Amino acid sequence: QAGKFEAAHRVARSCMGEGEIAALYTQQAQRMEAAGQLRQAERLYLAVRAFDSAILMFRRAKQWDSVVRIVAAHRPEQLRDTHLAVARTLQAEGSLRAAERHFVEGGQAEQAVAMYQTALRWDDAMRCARQMAMANGGANGTASLANRVAYAQALSLGSDQGMKLLHARLALAAIAGREVVGFVDYGQADATQVRLVR
């Protein structure tokens, strides 16, 4: 197949102009896409450097790995934004674990943490926060992210259960208390938060 394609491409180049070849290949690629022959369509698009058409084709098919593969090879300056766009699409569809991977590869692991917190998937939020801390050598900013996740989970549980969580699971009661004091200072604490301070 590959040999036949290359031979046909050489023949086309010998008797047709670049514009004609591009139009012919694009038209044929569109027919192949409609027939579900995406790999063959991709070859035609790439042969005439219609990179964006190939990317859009795989976007329509929700074949995200192929989208990322082509962007990485032919539009590397768009790779980060592509990962984040894919991550948000997957998040909206409820595919959180797949979304996490693209947030991380797009350099926005903290968005994966926030995504899991919003979904009340605390174990996943904590796992991501800890992985960020490990990846950054336990840097203060990423290490404190795990503390903030634990604190948010504790507040969601209520004062008694929340304090038990901080004591038993993470030993962060003192940190939580200091943060709540800050909330109290700014008049933002509710009854649950005040009880946590105690």
Protein backbone atom coordinates (compact mmCIF):
# COMPACT_ATOMS: atom_id res chain seq x y z
CA GLN A 1 0.00 0.00 0.00
CA ALA A 2 2.74 2.43 0.99
CA GLY A 3 4.70 1.68 -2.20
CA LYS A 4 1.65 2.17 -4.39
CA PHE A 5 0.85 5.46 -2.70
CA GLU A 6 4.37 6.79 -3.23
CA ALA A 7 4.35 5.70 -6.87
CA ALA A 8 0.99 7.36 -7.50
CA HIS A 9 2.19 10.50 -5.78
CA ARG A 10 5.28 10.65 -8.01
CA VAL A 11 3.13 10.26 -11.13
CA ALA A 12 0.78 13.00 -9.97
CA ARG A 13 3.67 15.37 -9.32
CA SER A 14 5.12 14.73 -12.76
CA CYS A 15 1.99 15.73 -14.65
CA MET A 16 0.04 18.07 -12.37
CA GLY A 17 0.65 21.37 -10.65
CA GLU A 18 0.85 21.65 -6.86
CA GLY A 19 -2.53 23.35 -6.67
CA GLU A 20 -4.19 20.64 -8.71
CA ILE A 21 -2.61 17.91 -6.61
CA ALA A 22 -3.73 19.61 -3.40
CA ALA A 23 -7.31 19.91 -4.67
CA LEU A 24 -7.38 16.31 -5.88
CA TYR A 25 -5.89 14.88 -2.69
CA THR A 26 -8.13 16.98 -0.47
CA GLN A 27 -11.22 15.88 -2.34
CA GLN A 28 -10.19 12.23 -2.14
CA ALA A 29 -9.30 12.60 1.55
CA GLN A 30 -12.76 13.97 2.27
CA ARG A 31 -14.33 10.97 0.54
CA MET A 32 -12.16 8.60 2.60
CA GLU A 33 -13.08 10.43 5.80
CA ALA A 34 -16.77 10.07 4.95
CA ALA A 35 -16.18 6.34 4.45
CA GLY A 36 -14.45 6.08 7.82
CA GLN A 37 -11.01 5.49 6.32
CA LEU A 38 -9.28 8.05 8.48
CA ARG A 39 -5.71 6.74 8.23
CA GLN A 40 -5.84 6.78 4.45
CA ALA A 41 -7.38 10.25 4.50
CA GLU A 42 -4.63 11.40 6.86
CA ARG A 43 -1.94 10.27 4.43
CA LEU A 44 -3.50 12.30 1.65
CA TYR A 45 -3.87 15.41 3.80
CA LEU A 46 -0.29 15.20 5.02
CA ALA A 47 1.05 14.57 1.51
CA VAL A 48 -0.19 18.02 0.47
CA ARG A 49 0.65 19.59 3.85
CA ALA A 50 -3.02 20.08 4.75
CA PHE A 51 -2.13 19.59 8.40
CA ASP A 52 -5.06 21.53 9.81
CA SER A 53 -7.51 19.49 7.74
CA ALA A 54 -6.07 16.29 9.19
CA ILE A 55 -6.26 17.70 12.72
CA LEU A 56 -9.88 18.79 12.26
CA MET A 57 -10.78 15.39 10.83
CA PHE A 58 -9.52 13.61 13.93
CA ARG A 59 -11.18 16.23 16.17
CA ARG A 60 -14.51 15.47 14.52
CA ALA A 61 -13.90 11.78 15.12
CA LYS A 62 -12.82 12.47 18.74
CA GLN A 63 -9.60 10.55 18.14
CA TRP A 64 -7.64 12.72 20.54
CA ASP A 65 -4.36 10.78 20.43
CA SER A 66 -4.22 11.29 16.66
CA VAL A 67 -5.00 14.99 17.09
CA VAL A 68 -2.11 15.36 19.53
CA ARG A 69 0.23 13.26 17.37
CA ILE A 70 -0.29 15.43 14.29
CA VAL A 71 -0.14 18.69 16.23
CA ALA A 72 3.13 17.58 17.88
CA ALA A 73 4.65 16.70 14.51
CA HIS A 74 3.41 19.62 12.40
CA ARG A 75 2.10 22.37 14.70
CA PRO A 76 4.31 22.04 17.80
CA GLU A 77 3.68 25.65 18.84
CA GLN A 78 0.02 24.67 19.37
CA LEU A 79 0.70 21.53 21.39
CA ARG A 80 0.12 22.97 24.87
CA ASP A 81 -3.13 24.66 23.88
CA THR A 82 -4.26 21.50 22.10
CA HIS A 83 -3.71 19.40 25.23
CA LEU A 84 -5.72 21.87 27.29
CA ALA A 85 -8.56 22.06 24.74
CA VAL A 86 -8.74 18.27 24.61
CA ALA A 87 -8.66 18.10 28.41
CA ARG A 88 -11.59 20.50 28.73
CA THR A 89 -13.59 18.59 26.11
CA LEU A 90 -12.99 15.31 27.93
CA GLN A 91 -13.83 16.92 31.27
CA ALA A 92 -17.16 18.17 29.88
CA GLU A 93 -17.89 14.64 28.66
CA GLY A 94 -17.15 13.19 32.08
CA SER A 95 -13.95 11.40 31.04
CA LEU A 96 -11.98 12.80 33.95
CA ARG A 97 -9.04 10.40 33.96
CA ALA A 98 -8.39 11.01 30.26
CA ALA A 99 -8.80 14.76 30.84
CA GLU A 100 -6.26 14.57 33.67
CA ARG A 101 -3.62 13.17 31.33
CA HIS A 102 -4.03 16.05 28.90
CA PHE A 103 -4.04 18.67 31.67
CA VAL A 104 -0.76 17.22 32.94
CA GLU A 105 0.81 16.99 29.48
CA GLY A 106 -0.32 20.54 28.81
CA GLY A 107 1.55 21.70 31.91
CA GLN A 108 -1.59 22.46 33.91
CA ALA A 109 -1.76 19.66 36.47
CA GLU A 110 -3.34 22.02 38.99
CA GLN A 111 -6.38 22.21 36.69
CA ALA A 112 -6.70 18.44 37.01
CA VAL A 113 -6.68 18.87 40.79
CA ALA A 114 -9.39 21.54 40.54
CA MET A 115 -11.41 19.33 38.20
CA TYR A 116 -11.43 16.47 40.69
CA GLN A 117 -12.28 18.81 43.57
CA THR A 118 -15.27 20.14 41.65
CA ALA A 119 -16.40 16.56 41.06
CA LEU A 120 -15.84 15.77 44.77
CA ARG A 121 -13.37 13.06 43.80
CA TRP A 122 -11.06 13.82 46.68
CA ASP A 123 -8.79 10.79 46.41
CA ASP A 124 -8.01 11.66 42.78
CA ALA A 125 -7.49 15.32 43.67
CA MET A 126 -5.06 14.35 46.43
CA ARG A 127 -3.24 11.88 44.16
CA CYS A 128 -2.73 14.57 41.51
CA ALA A 129 -1.58 17.11 44.09
CA ARG A 130 0.94 14.67 45.54
CA GLN A 131 2.20 13.72 42.09
CA MET A 132 2.74 17.40 41.34
CA ALA A 133 4.69 17.81 44.56
CA MET A 134 6.87 14.78 43.76
CA ALA A 135 7.45 15.97 40.19
CA ASN A 136 8.59 19.33 41.55
CA GLY A 137 10.85 17.85 44.19
CA GLY A 138 8.44 18.68 47.00
CA ALA A 139 8.52 22.39 46.19
CA ASN A 140 6.56 24.46 48.70
CA GLY A 141 3.93 25.64 46.21
CA THR A 142 2.99 22.17 45.00
CA ALA A 143 3.33 20.58 48.44
CA SER A 144 0.90 23.13 49.89
CA LEU A 145 -1.56 22.25 47.13
CA ALA A 146 -2.07 18.85 48.79
CA ASN A 147 -2.70 20.68 52.07
CA ARG A 148 -5.33 22.86 50.40
CA VAL A 149 -7.03 19.80 48.90
CA ALA A 150 -7.16 18.16 52.33
CA TYR A 151 -8.53 21.34 53.85
CA ALA A 152 -11.23 21.67 51.16
CA GLN A 153 -12.25 18.06 51.69
CA ALA A 154 -12.39 18.58 55.44
CA LEU A 155 -14.71 21.55 55.04
CA SER A 156 -16.95 19.53 52.74
CA LEU A 157 -17.29 16.86 55.44
CA GLY A 158 -18.22 19.19 58.27
CA SER A 159 -16.31 20.16 61.37
CA ASP A 160 -16.14 16.88 63.30
CA GLN A 161 -15.46 14.58 60.40
CA GLY A 162 -13.24 17.18 58.82
CA MET A 163 -11.02 17.45 61.88
CA LYS A 164 -10.78 13.66 62.09
CA LEU A 165 -9.72 13.54 58.46
CA LEU A 166 -7.00 16.10 58.98
CA HIS A 167 -5.73 14.35 62.10
CA ALA A 168 -5.93 10.76 60.91
CA ARG A 169 -5.12 10.99 57.24
CA LEU A 170 -2.86 13.95 56.77
CA ALA A 171 -1.94 15.43 60.16
CA LEU A 172 -2.72 18.88 58.84
CA ALA A 173 -5.07 20.14 61.56
CA ALA A 174 -2.72 22.95 62.52
CA ILE A 175 -2.40 24.12 58.93
CA ALA A 176 -6.18 24.01 58.49
CA GLY A 177 -6.63 25.97 61.68
CA ARG A 178 -4.25 28.71 60.56
CA GLU A 179 -5.99 28.97 57.20
CA VAL A 180 -9.42 29.19 58.83
CA VAL A 181 -8.15 31.93 61.14
CA GLY A 182 -7.34 33.84 57.96
CA PHE A 183 -10.90 33.34 56.78
CA VAL A 184 -12.24 34.54 60.12
CA ASP A 185 -10.07 37.65 59.90
CA TYR A 186 -11.68 38.50 56.57
CA GLY A 187 -15.19 37.76 57.80
CA GLN A 188 -15.60 34.79 55.46
CA ALA A 189 -15.87 31.90 57.92
CA ASP A 190 -19.11 30.05 58.54
CA ALA A 191 -20.00 28.10 61.69
CA THR A 192 -18.31 24.98 60.38
CA GLN A 193 -15.07 26.85 59.79
CA VAL A 194 -15.15 28.49 63.20
CA ARG A 195 -15.61 25.11 64.90
CA LEU A 196 -12.62 23.81 62.97
CA VAL A 197 -10.46 26.54 64.42
CA ARG A 198 -11.26 25.27 67.88
